[in-house]
Structures are given as structure tokens and as C-alpha cells.
Amino acid sequence: MRPPRVRTWGRVGRTPVVRVRGSGSGRVSMAGMSCYKRGQRSRLIYGFRVHRGRKGEPKGFTWKDYRDLVLRARTQLGGPIVLVWDNLSAHLMPPMKEFIAANHDWLTVFQLPSYAPDLNPQEGIWSLVKRGIGNLAVASIDHLAKAVKRRLKKIQYRPHLIDGALTQAGLIMDG
């Protein structure tokens, strides 16, 4: 529940201060895929999870969640997928590697180098999400989840933003 620090404006000589309540328990995790197919609009397929700090509740995504996201993308896109992935530990789990090997007929995976956020188009999407909620002082974790979902939906319906992230990463060439 600690808010991100971003620039804002205020009266000259008066620093704006926003009081935030909350103990910091709670987290919103996002996972997504920026999808591109020549001749069609770019798409964003995503999932997110709200962690409220309860005992036994998963904090983030597991390899099964990423597998389900890839399967959902295949269903929505209706064709083979070439996946460019970073080196998140859940992407490198043995069961995930087995899933990729078992579905090699429609799923091709390329791993990014160890630290290459400039090559990952999804980092541009997350930057847009965070920029959109930067000056938001949330009252609860549910309020934050609603704001994140709203921002993701806005990006989803603006394919030029997704194209920009893909172009910045060098995955779409103009022309």
C-alpha cells in the first residue's frame, strides 16, 4: 500500500503532501503478453492477482498461472505463438519447460538475456500502467486493484500504445 513516488504540482512554496493510511499489507501482481500479428491490431492479454496478506494466499504468479495465460492467449489468438520471455524463475521451472516441450507444435519460446528490460516490450506496458496510477492515493487494496484493472483495460483498447512498446523493444519494424 506504499504509493509510488511521482512528480505532481502544487502551489508555489507549498509542497503537496498526501497522507496514506494502511499498514502496507497487500499487493497487486500483473502478468501480461503484448501480441502482434502483421495486418491485425496489437493486443494485450493479461491477468492480475490481488494479495491481501492472508496466510496461505499466493503472493504472485506461479508457473501454472503463466501456463494458463499462454493457453488463454492461444485460445484468443487462434494460432501458433512465438513467445519472447524474460528469465523470471517461474518461466524457467521444470514443469514449465515440460509444458513448452509438449506443445512445441504451436509454441516457440525465445529467452531474453539475463537482464534486458529494454528488449522486453511488457516493461513498456507496465510503465504505462504505473504512470497512470502514480498520483493515486488509494484507500484500500481493492481500490488499487480496480485502478490497475481500469488502466489495463484502457491500454488494451489502444493498440497504438501496445505497438509503441513493441517498436521500442525492436520487435516491430516500421515499413
N, C-alpha and C. Protein backbone atom coordinates (compact mmCIF):
# COMPACT_ATOMS: atom_id res chain seq x y z
N MET A 1 0.81 -1.19 0.00
CA MET A 1 0.00 0.00 0.00
C MET A 1 0.86 1.26 0.00
N ARG A 2 2.18 1.12 -0.05
CA ARG A 2 3.01 2.32 -0.14
C ARG A 2 2.91 2.87 -1.55
N PRO A 3 2.54 4.13 -1.70
CA PRO A 3 2.34 4.67 -3.04
C PRO A 3 3.66 4.90 -3.76
N PRO A 4 3.64 4.82 -5.09
CA PRO A 4 4.85 5.17 -5.84
C PRO A 4 5.09 6.67 -5.76
N ARG A 5 6.33 7.08 -5.91
CA ARG A 5 6.65 8.50 -5.87
C ARG A 5 6.71 9.02 -7.29
N VAL A 6 5.91 10.02 -7.57
CA VAL A 6 5.90 10.64 -8.88
C VAL A 6 5.84 12.14 -8.71
N ARG A 7 6.10 12.84 -9.79
CA ARG A 7 6.02 14.29 -9.75
C ARG A 7 4.56 14.73 -9.81
N THR A 8 4.29 15.81 -9.15
CA THR A 8 2.97 16.40 -9.18
C THR A 8 3.13 17.90 -9.11
N TRP A 9 2.07 18.61 -9.00
CA TRP A 9 2.15 20.06 -8.94
C TRP A 9 1.51 20.54 -7.65
N GLY A 10 1.81 21.74 -7.27
CA GLY A 10 1.22 22.35 -6.08
C GLY A 10 1.47 23.84 -6.14
N ARG A 11 0.91 24.56 -5.21
CA ARG A 11 1.13 26.00 -5.16
C ARG A 11 2.60 26.30 -4.91
N VAL A 12 3.03 27.43 -5.43
CA VAL A 12 4.43 27.83 -5.25
C VAL A 12 4.70 27.99 -3.75
N GLY A 13 5.76 27.34 -3.31
CA GLY A 13 6.17 27.44 -1.91
C GLY A 13 5.49 26.45 -1.00
N ARG A 14 4.55 25.67 -1.49
CA ARG A 14 3.86 24.68 -0.66
C ARG A 14 4.03 23.30 -1.27
N THR A 15 4.77 22.46 -0.61
CA THR A 15 4.98 21.10 -1.09
C THR A 15 3.72 20.28 -0.85
N PRO A 16 3.16 19.67 -1.91
CA PRO A 16 1.96 18.86 -1.70
C PRO A 16 2.28 17.61 -0.89
N VAL A 17 1.46 17.33 0.09
CA VAL A 17 1.63 16.16 0.93
C VAL A 17 0.33 15.37 0.93
N VAL A 18 0.44 14.08 0.65
CA VAL A 18 -0.73 13.21 0.66
C VAL A 18 -0.53 12.19 1.77
N ARG A 19 -1.44 12.16 2.70
CA ARG A 19 -1.38 11.18 3.79
C ARG A 19 -1.97 9.86 3.30
N VAL A 20 -1.29 8.79 3.58
CA VAL A 20 -1.74 7.47 3.14
C VAL A 20 -1.95 6.61 4.37
N ARG A 21 -3.16 6.04 4.44
CA ARG A 21 -3.45 5.11 5.53
C ARG A 21 -3.12 3.71 5.08
N GLY A 22 -2.97 2.84 6.00
CA GLY A 22 -2.74 1.44 5.64
C GLY A 22 -1.43 0.94 6.20
N SER A 23 -1.39 -0.36 6.43
CA SER A 23 -0.21 -0.96 7.04
C SER A 23 0.75 -1.51 6.00
N GLY A 24 0.39 -1.43 4.73
CA GLY A 24 1.28 -1.94 3.70
C GLY A 24 1.02 -3.40 3.36
N SER A 25 -0.03 -4.00 3.95
CA SER A 25 -0.31 -5.39 3.60
C SER A 25 -1.19 -5.41 2.36
N GLY A 26 -0.73 -6.08 1.38
CA GLY A 26 -1.48 -6.19 0.14
C GLY A 26 -0.59 -5.90 -1.05
N ARG A 27 -0.92 -6.54 -2.15
CA ARG A 27 -0.11 -6.40 -3.35
C ARG A 27 -0.97 -6.75 -4.55
N VAL A 28 -0.73 -6.06 -5.64
CA VAL A 28 -1.36 -6.39 -6.91
C VAL A 28 -0.26 -6.85 -7.85
N SER A 29 -0.35 -8.08 -8.32
CA SER A 29 0.64 -8.63 -9.25
C SER A 29 0.00 -8.70 -10.63
N MET A 30 0.80 -8.36 -11.66
CA MET A 30 0.30 -8.37 -13.03
C MET A 30 1.19 -9.27 -13.89
N ALA A 31 0.57 -9.93 -14.84
CA ALA A 31 1.29 -10.70 -15.86
C ALA A 31 0.59 -10.42 -17.17
N GLY A 32 1.37 -10.29 -18.23
CA GLY A 32 0.72 -9.98 -19.49
C GLY A 32 1.57 -10.34 -20.69
N MET A 33 0.88 -10.30 -21.84
CA MET A 33 1.53 -10.60 -23.12
C MET A 33 1.12 -9.53 -24.11
N SER A 34 2.10 -8.92 -24.76
CA SER A 34 1.84 -7.99 -25.86
C SER A 34 1.89 -8.82 -27.14
N CYS A 35 0.79 -8.85 -27.86
CA CYS A 35 0.66 -9.73 -29.02
C CYS A 35 0.60 -8.93 -30.30
N TYR A 36 1.32 -9.41 -31.32
CA TYR A 36 1.37 -8.73 -32.61
C TYR A 36 1.27 -9.74 -33.74
N LYS A 37 0.42 -9.43 -34.70
CA LYS A 37 0.32 -10.22 -35.91
C LYS A 37 0.15 -9.24 -37.06
N ARG A 38 1.03 -9.35 -38.04
CA ARG A 38 1.01 -8.41 -39.17
C ARG A 38 -0.38 -8.38 -39.81
N GLY A 39 -0.87 -7.16 -40.02
CA GLY A 39 -2.17 -6.97 -40.64
C GLY A 39 -3.33 -6.92 -39.66
N GLN A 40 -3.06 -7.16 -38.37
CA GLN A 40 -4.11 -7.10 -37.35
C GLN A 40 -3.69 -6.12 -36.26
N ARG A 41 -4.64 -5.72 -35.46
CA ARG A 41 -4.30 -4.80 -34.37
C ARG A 41 -3.56 -5.55 -33.27
N SER A 42 -2.67 -4.84 -32.60
CA SER A 42 -1.93 -5.45 -31.49
C SER A 42 -2.88 -5.65 -30.32
N ARG A 43 -2.55 -6.66 -29.52
CA ARG A 43 -3.42 -6.99 -28.40
C ARG A 43 -2.62 -7.15 -27.13
N LEU A 44 -3.29 -6.90 -26.02
CA LEU A 44 -2.73 -7.11 -24.69
C LEU A 44 -3.59 -8.15 -24.00
N ILE A 45 -2.97 -9.25 -23.62
CA ILE A 45 -3.66 -10.29 -22.87
C ILE A 45 -2.99 -10.32 -21.51
N TYR A 46 -3.78 -10.18 -20.46
CA TYR A 46 -3.19 -10.03 -19.13
C TYR A 46 -3.98 -10.77 -18.08
N GLY A 47 -3.36 -10.89 -16.95
CA GLY A 47 -4.00 -11.41 -15.76
C GLY A 47 -3.42 -10.67 -14.57
N PHE A 48 -4.20 -10.54 -13.53
CA PHE A 48 -3.63 -9.96 -12.32
C PHE A 48 -4.23 -10.62 -11.10
N ARG A 49 -3.48 -10.54 -10.03
CA ARG A 49 -3.85 -11.20 -8.79
C ARG A 49 -3.72 -10.20 -7.65
N VAL A 50 -4.71 -10.23 -6.77
CA VAL A 50 -4.69 -9.37 -5.59
C VAL A 50 -4.30 -10.23 -4.40
N HIS A 51 -3.25 -9.80 -3.70
CA HIS A 51 -2.80 -10.49 -2.49
C HIS A 51 -3.14 -9.58 -1.32
N ARG A 52 -3.97 -10.06 -0.42
CA ARG A 52 -4.43 -9.23 0.70
C ARG A 52 -3.64 -9.47 1.98
N GLY A 53 -2.62 -10.29 1.94
CA GLY A 53 -1.80 -10.53 3.11
C GLY A 53 -2.32 -11.64 4.00
N ARG A 54 -3.22 -12.44 3.48
CA ARG A 54 -3.77 -13.54 4.28
C ARG A 54 -2.82 -14.73 4.26
N LYS A 55 -2.84 -15.48 5.32
CA LYS A 55 -1.97 -16.63 5.44
C LYS A 55 -2.35 -17.69 4.41
N GLY A 56 -1.35 -18.23 3.70
CA GLY A 56 -1.57 -19.27 2.72
C GLY A 56 -1.99 -18.76 1.35
N GLU A 57 -2.23 -17.46 1.22
CA GLU A 57 -2.64 -16.89 -0.06
C GLU A 57 -1.40 -16.65 -0.92
N PRO A 58 -1.41 -17.08 -2.19
CA PRO A 58 -0.22 -16.86 -3.03
C PRO A 58 0.01 -15.37 -3.28
N LYS A 59 1.27 -14.95 -3.18
CA LYS A 59 1.61 -13.53 -3.35
C LYS A 59 1.72 -13.14 -4.81
N GLY A 60 2.17 -14.05 -5.62
CA GLY A 60 2.39 -13.72 -7.02
C GLY A 60 1.93 -14.86 -7.91
N PHE A 61 2.40 -14.82 -9.14
CA PHE A 61 2.02 -15.83 -10.12
C PHE A 61 2.94 -17.04 -10.02
N THR A 62 2.37 -18.21 -10.23
CA THR A 62 3.13 -19.44 -10.26
C THR A 62 3.30 -19.87 -11.72
N TRP A 63 4.07 -20.91 -11.95
CA TRP A 63 4.25 -21.38 -13.33
C TRP A 63 2.92 -21.81 -13.93
N LYS A 64 2.00 -22.32 -13.10
CA LYS A 64 0.68 -22.74 -13.60
C LYS A 64 -0.11 -21.54 -14.10
N ASP A 65 0.02 -20.41 -13.41
CA ASP A 65 -0.67 -19.19 -13.85
C ASP A 65 -0.14 -18.71 -15.19
N TYR A 66 1.18 -18.79 -15.37
CA TYR A 66 1.77 -18.40 -16.66
C TYR A 66 1.36 -19.39 -17.76
N ARG A 67 1.31 -20.65 -17.43
CA ARG A 67 0.85 -21.65 -18.40
C ARG A 67 -0.58 -21.34 -18.82
N ASP A 68 -1.44 -21.03 -17.86
CA ASP A 68 -2.84 -20.72 -18.16
C ASP A 68 -2.95 -19.45 -19.01
N LEU A 69 -2.07 -18.49 -18.77
CA LEU A 69 -2.06 -17.26 -19.57
C LEU A 69 -1.69 -17.56 -21.02
N VAL A 70 -0.71 -18.43 -21.21
CA VAL A 70 -0.31 -18.83 -22.57
C VAL A 70 -1.46 -19.59 -23.26
N LEU A 71 -2.12 -20.47 -22.54
CA LEU A 71 -3.25 -21.20 -23.11
C LEU A 71 -4.41 -20.27 -23.46
N ARG A 72 -4.65 -19.29 -22.61
CA ARG A 72 -5.69 -18.30 -22.89
C ARG A 72 -5.34 -17.49 -24.14
N ALA A 73 -4.06 -17.14 -24.26
CA ALA A 73 -3.61 -16.39 -25.44
C ALA A 73 -3.82 -17.23 -26.70
N ARG A 74 -3.51 -18.50 -26.63
CA ARG A 74 -3.69 -19.37 -27.80
C ARG A 74 -5.16 -19.44 -28.20
N THR A 75 -6.03 -19.54 -27.21
CA THR A 75 -7.46 -19.59 -27.49
C THR A 75 -7.93 -18.28 -28.13
N GLN A 76 -7.49 -17.15 -27.59
CA GLN A 76 -7.94 -15.86 -28.11
C GLN A 76 -7.34 -15.54 -29.47
N LEU A 77 -6.09 -15.90 -29.68
CA LEU A 77 -5.40 -15.57 -30.92
C LEU A 77 -5.66 -16.59 -32.02
N GLY A 78 -5.93 -17.82 -31.64
CA GLY A 78 -6.28 -18.84 -32.61
C GLY A 78 -5.17 -19.24 -33.55
N GLY A 79 -3.98 -19.41 -33.05
CA GLY A 79 -2.89 -19.82 -33.93
C GLY A 79 -1.63 -20.09 -33.15
N PRO A 80 -0.56 -20.38 -33.87
CA PRO A 80 0.71 -20.63 -33.19
C PRO A 80 1.23 -19.36 -32.52
N ILE A 81 2.03 -19.55 -31.47
CA ILE A 81 2.54 -18.42 -30.69
C ILE A 81 4.06 -18.50 -30.65
N VAL A 82 4.68 -17.36 -30.90
CA VAL A 82 6.12 -17.20 -30.67
C VAL A 82 6.23 -16.31 -29.45
N LEU A 83 6.78 -16.85 -28.38
CA LEU A 83 6.83 -16.18 -27.09
C LEU A 83 8.25 -15.72 -26.81
N VAL A 84 8.40 -14.44 -26.51
CA VAL A 84 9.70 -13.90 -26.11
C VAL A 84 9.59 -13.63 -24.62
N TRP A 85 10.38 -14.37 -23.84
CA TRP A 85 10.23 -14.37 -22.39
C TRP A 85 11.47 -13.87 -21.69
N ASP A 86 11.26 -13.22 -20.55
CA ASP A 86 12.39 -12.85 -19.71
C ASP A 86 12.76 -14.06 -18.84
N ASN A 87 13.71 -13.89 -17.97
CA ASN A 87 14.22 -15.01 -17.18
C ASN A 87 13.64 -15.06 -15.77
N LEU A 88 12.36 -14.81 -15.67
CA LEU A 88 11.68 -14.94 -14.39
C LEU A 88 11.76 -16.40 -13.95
N SER A 89 11.94 -16.63 -12.67
CA SER A 89 12.14 -18.00 -12.19
C SER A 89 10.96 -18.91 -12.53
N ALA A 90 9.73 -18.39 -12.51
CA ALA A 90 8.56 -19.21 -12.84
C ALA A 90 8.58 -19.65 -14.30
N HIS A 91 9.22 -18.86 -15.17
CA HIS A 91 9.32 -19.23 -16.58
C HIS A 91 10.32 -20.36 -16.80
N LEU A 92 11.24 -20.52 -15.86
CA LEU A 92 12.32 -21.49 -16.01
C LEU A 92 12.11 -22.77 -15.20
N MET A 93 10.95 -22.89 -14.56
CA MET A 93 10.66 -24.07 -13.74
C MET A 93 10.59 -25.33 -14.62
N PRO A 94 11.05 -26.47 -14.12
CA PRO A 94 10.99 -27.70 -14.91
C PRO A 94 9.59 -28.04 -15.44
N PRO A 95 8.52 -27.89 -14.65
CA PRO A 95 7.19 -28.19 -15.22
C PRO A 95 6.83 -27.26 -16.38
N MET A 96 7.28 -26.01 -16.32
CA MET A 96 7.00 -25.07 -17.40
C MET A 96 7.78 -25.47 -18.65
N LYS A 97 9.03 -25.89 -18.47
CA LYS A 97 9.83 -26.36 -19.60
C LYS A 97 9.19 -27.60 -20.23
N GLU A 98 8.62 -28.48 -19.40
CA GLU A 98 7.93 -29.67 -19.91
C GLU A 98 6.69 -29.28 -20.72
N PHE A 99 5.95 -28.28 -20.23
CA PHE A 99 4.78 -27.79 -20.94
C PHE A 99 5.17 -27.23 -22.31
N ILE A 100 6.25 -26.46 -22.35
CA ILE A 100 6.72 -25.88 -23.61
C ILE A 100 7.15 -26.99 -24.58
N ALA A 101 7.88 -27.98 -24.07
CA ALA A 101 8.33 -29.10 -24.92
C ALA A 101 7.15 -29.92 -25.44
N ALA A 102 6.14 -30.10 -24.60
CA ALA A 102 4.98 -30.89 -25.01
C ALA A 102 4.12 -30.17 -26.05
N ASN A 103 4.25 -28.86 -26.15
CA ASN A 103 3.44 -28.07 -27.08
C ASN A 103 4.28 -27.37 -28.13
N HIS A 104 5.38 -27.98 -28.51
CA HIS A 104 6.31 -27.35 -29.46
C HIS A 104 5.70 -27.15 -30.85
N ASP A 105 4.61 -27.86 -31.15
CA ASP A 105 3.99 -27.70 -32.46
C ASP A 105 3.30 -26.34 -32.64
N TRP A 106 2.86 -25.70 -31.57
CA TRP A 106 2.23 -24.38 -31.68
C TRP A 106 2.90 -23.31 -30.81
N LEU A 107 3.88 -23.70 -29.99
CA LEU A 107 4.51 -22.75 -29.07
C LEU A 107 6.03 -22.77 -29.26
N THR A 108 6.57 -21.61 -29.63
CA THR A 108 8.01 -21.43 -29.76
C THR A 108 8.43 -20.38 -28.76
N VAL A 109 9.45 -20.66 -27.95
CA VAL A 109 9.86 -19.74 -26.89
C VAL A 109 11.30 -19.32 -27.10
N PHE A 110 11.53 -18.01 -27.01
CA PHE A 110 12.87 -17.43 -27.02
C PHE A 110 13.08 -16.75 -25.67
N GLN A 111 14.22 -17.03 -25.05
CA GLN A 111 14.55 -16.40 -23.78
C GLN A 111 15.33 -15.11 -24.03
N LEU A 112 14.98 -14.06 -23.30
CA LEU A 112 15.75 -12.83 -23.35
C LEU A 112 17.03 -13.02 -22.54
N PRO A 113 18.04 -12.19 -22.76
CA PRO A 113 19.24 -12.26 -21.92
C PRO A 113 18.88 -11.99 -20.45
N SER A 114 19.81 -12.29 -19.57
CA SER A 114 19.54 -12.21 -18.13
C SER A 114 18.95 -10.90 -17.67
N TYR A 115 19.52 -9.79 -18.04
CA TYR A 115 18.94 -8.51 -17.64
C TYR A 115 18.82 -7.65 -18.88
N ALA A 116 17.62 -7.58 -19.44
CA ALA A 116 17.41 -6.83 -20.67
C ALA A 116 16.01 -6.21 -20.69
N PRO A 117 15.71 -5.30 -19.74
CA PRO A 117 14.37 -4.70 -19.75
C PRO A 117 14.09 -3.87 -21.00
N ASP A 118 15.16 -3.37 -21.65
CA ASP A 118 14.95 -2.59 -22.87
C ASP A 118 14.51 -3.46 -24.05
N LEU A 119 14.71 -4.78 -23.96
CA LEU A 119 14.28 -5.69 -25.01
C LEU A 119 12.91 -6.31 -24.74
N ASN A 120 12.36 -6.04 -23.56
CA ASN A 120 11.10 -6.63 -23.15
C ASN A 120 9.97 -5.62 -23.35
N PRO A 121 9.08 -5.83 -24.33
CA PRO A 121 8.02 -4.85 -24.57
C PRO A 121 7.04 -4.73 -23.40
N GLN A 122 6.93 -5.77 -22.61
CA GLN A 122 5.99 -5.72 -21.49
C GLN A 122 6.41 -4.70 -20.44
N GLU A 123 7.70 -4.40 -20.35
CA GLU A 123 8.16 -3.37 -19.41
C GLU A 123 7.58 -2.01 -19.79
N GLY A 124 7.43 -1.75 -21.09
CA GLY A 124 6.80 -0.51 -21.53
C GLY A 124 5.34 -0.44 -21.13
N ILE A 125 4.65 -1.58 -21.19
CA ILE A 125 3.24 -1.63 -20.79
C ILE A 125 3.13 -1.39 -19.29
N TRP A 126 3.99 -2.03 -18.50
CA TRP A 126 3.93 -1.84 -17.04
C TRP A 126 4.24 -0.39 -16.69
N SER A 127 5.14 0.22 -17.44
CA SER A 127 5.45 1.63 -17.21
C SER A 127 4.21 2.50 -17.44
N LEU A 128 3.45 2.20 -18.48
CA LEU A 128 2.22 2.95 -18.75
C LEU A 128 1.20 2.75 -17.63
N VAL A 129 1.09 1.54 -17.12
CA VAL A 129 0.15 1.28 -16.03
C VAL A 129 0.56 2.07 -14.79
N LYS A 130 1.84 2.01 -14.44
CA LYS A 130 2.31 2.69 -13.23
C LYS A 130 2.21 4.20 -13.37
N ARG A 131 2.47 4.71 -14.57
CA ARG A 131 2.36 6.15 -14.80
C ARG A 131 0.92 6.60 -14.63
N GLY A 132 -0.02 5.76 -15.03
CA GLY A 132 -1.43 6.09 -14.94
C GLY A 132 -1.97 6.11 -13.52
N ILE A 133 -1.31 5.40 -12.61
CA ILE A 133 -1.81 5.36 -11.23
C ILE A 133 -0.82 6.02 -10.26
N GLY A 134 0.17 6.71 -10.79
CA GLY A 134 1.23 7.28 -9.96
C GLY A 134 0.77 8.27 -8.91
N ASN A 135 -0.17 9.13 -9.22
CA ASN A 135 -0.64 10.13 -8.27
C ASN A 135 -1.91 9.72 -7.55
N LEU A 136 -2.21 8.45 -7.57
CA LEU A 136 -3.42 7.94 -6.94
C LEU A 136 -3.13 7.57 -5.49
N ALA A 137 -3.89 8.14 -4.59
CA ALA A 137 -3.80 7.76 -3.17
C ALA A 137 -4.96 6.82 -2.89
N VAL A 138 -4.66 5.55 -2.79
CA VAL A 138 -5.72 4.55 -2.64
C VAL A 138 -6.14 4.39 -1.19
N ALA A 139 -7.40 4.04 -1.01
CA ALA A 139 -7.94 3.83 0.33
C ALA A 139 -7.83 2.37 0.77
N SER A 140 -7.78 1.46 -0.21
CA SER A 140 -7.71 0.03 0.13
C SER A 140 -7.06 -0.70 -1.03
N ILE A 141 -6.74 -1.95 -0.79
CA ILE A 141 -6.14 -2.78 -1.84
C ILE A 141 -7.15 -3.02 -2.96
N ASP A 142 -8.43 -3.06 -2.63
CA ASP A 142 -9.45 -3.24 -3.66
C ASP A 142 -9.53 -2.00 -4.57
N HIS A 143 -9.35 -0.84 -3.99
CA HIS A 143 -9.32 0.40 -4.77
C HIS A 143 -8.14 0.38 -5.74
N LEU A 144 -6.99 -0.07 -5.26
CA LEU A 144 -5.81 -0.17 -6.12
C LEU A 144 -6.05 -1.18 -7.24
N ALA A 145 -6.62 -2.34 -6.92
CA ALA A 145 -6.89 -3.37 -7.92
C ALA A 145 -7.84 -2.84 -8.99
N LYS A 146 -8.84 -2.09 -8.58
CA LYS A 146 -9.79 -1.52 -9.54
C LYS A 146 -9.10 -0.51 -10.46
N ALA A 147 -8.22 0.31 -9.90
CA ALA A 147 -7.49 1.30 -10.70
C ALA A 147 -6.54 0.63 -11.68
N VAL A 148 -5.86 -0.43 -11.25
CA VAL A 148 -4.95 -1.17 -12.13
C VAL A 148 -5.74 -1.82 -13.26
N LYS A 149 -6.85 -2.45 -12.94
CA LYS A 149 -7.66 -3.10 -13.97
C LYS A 149 -8.19 -2.08 -14.97
N ARG A 150 -8.62 -0.93 -14.47
CA ARG A 150 -9.12 0.12 -15.36
C ARG A 150 -8.02 0.59 -16.31
N ARG A 151 -6.81 0.76 -15.78
CA ARG A 151 -5.70 1.21 -16.61
C ARG A 151 -5.32 0.15 -17.65
N LEU A 152 -5.30 -1.11 -17.26
CA LEU A 152 -5.01 -2.19 -18.20
C LEU A 152 -6.06 -2.25 -19.31
N LYS A 153 -7.32 -2.06 -18.97
CA LYS A 153 -8.38 -2.05 -19.98
C LYS A 153 -8.18 -0.90 -20.96
N LYS A 154 -7.80 0.28 -20.44
CA LYS A 154 -7.56 1.43 -21.33
C LYS A 154 -6.45 1.12 -22.32
N ILE A 155 -5.38 0.51 -21.85
CA ILE A 155 -4.27 0.17 -22.73
C ILE A 155 -4.71 -0.89 -23.73
N GLN A 156 -5.52 -1.83 -23.28
CA GLN A 156 -5.99 -2.92 -24.14
C GLN A 156 -6.75 -2.39 -25.35
N TYR A 157 -7.49 -1.31 -25.17
CA TYR A 157 -8.28 -0.75 -26.25
C TYR A 157 -7.57 0.37 -27.00
N ARG A 158 -6.28 0.52 -26.79
CA ARG A 158 -5.47 1.48 -27.52
C ARG A 158 -4.27 0.75 -28.11
N PRO A 159 -4.47 0.09 -29.25
CA PRO A 159 -3.39 -0.72 -29.82
C PRO A 159 -2.14 0.07 -30.18
N HIS A 160 -2.27 1.39 -30.40
CA HIS A 160 -1.08 2.18 -30.71
C HIS A 160 -0.11 2.22 -29.52
N LEU A 161 -0.62 2.10 -28.29
CA LEU A 161 0.26 2.05 -27.11
C LEU A 161 1.03 0.73 -27.08
N ILE A 162 0.35 -0.35 -27.42
CA ILE A 162 1.00 -1.66 -27.46
C ILE A 162 2.03 -1.68 -28.58
N ASP A 163 1.66 -1.12 -29.76
CA ASP A 163 2.61 -1.03 -30.87
C ASP A 163 3.85 -0.24 -30.46
N GLY A 164 3.65 0.83 -29.69
CA GLY A 164 4.79 1.64 -29.25
C GLY A 164 5.74 0.84 -28.37
N ALA A 165 5.21 0.03 -27.47
CA ALA A 165 6.06 -0.80 -26.61
C ALA A 165 6.79 -1.86 -27.43
N LEU A 166 6.10 -2.45 -28.40
CA LEU A 166 6.75 -3.46 -29.25
C LEU A 166 7.81 -2.83 -30.14
N THR A 167 7.54 -1.65 -30.68
CA THR A 167 8.51 -0.96 -31.52
C THR A 167 9.75 -0.56 -30.72
N GLN A 168 9.53 -0.04 -29.51
CA GLN A 168 10.63 0.36 -28.63
C GLN A 168 11.56 -0.82 -28.34
N ALA A 169 10.97 -2.02 -28.22
CA ALA A 169 11.78 -3.22 -27.96
C ALA A 169 12.40 -3.79 -29.22
N GLY A 170 12.05 -3.22 -30.38
CA GLY A 170 12.63 -3.70 -31.63
C GLY A 170 11.94 -4.92 -32.21
N LEU A 171 10.71 -5.19 -31.76
CA LEU A 171 10.01 -6.36 -32.25
C LEU A 171 9.08 -6.07 -33.42
N ILE A 172 8.79 -4.78 -33.67
CA ILE A 172 8.04 -4.37 -34.86
C ILE A 172 8.91 -3.37 -35.61
N MET A 173 9.08 -3.60 -36.88
CA MET A 173 9.83 -2.66 -37.71
C MET A 173 8.84 -1.90 -38.57
N ASP A 174 8.94 -0.58 -38.57
CA ASP A 174 8.05 0.24 -39.40
C ASP A 174 8.39 0.01 -40.86
N GLY A 175 7.35 -0.05 -41.67
CA GLY A 175 7.59 -0.16 -43.11
C GLY A 175 6.95 -1.31 -43.76
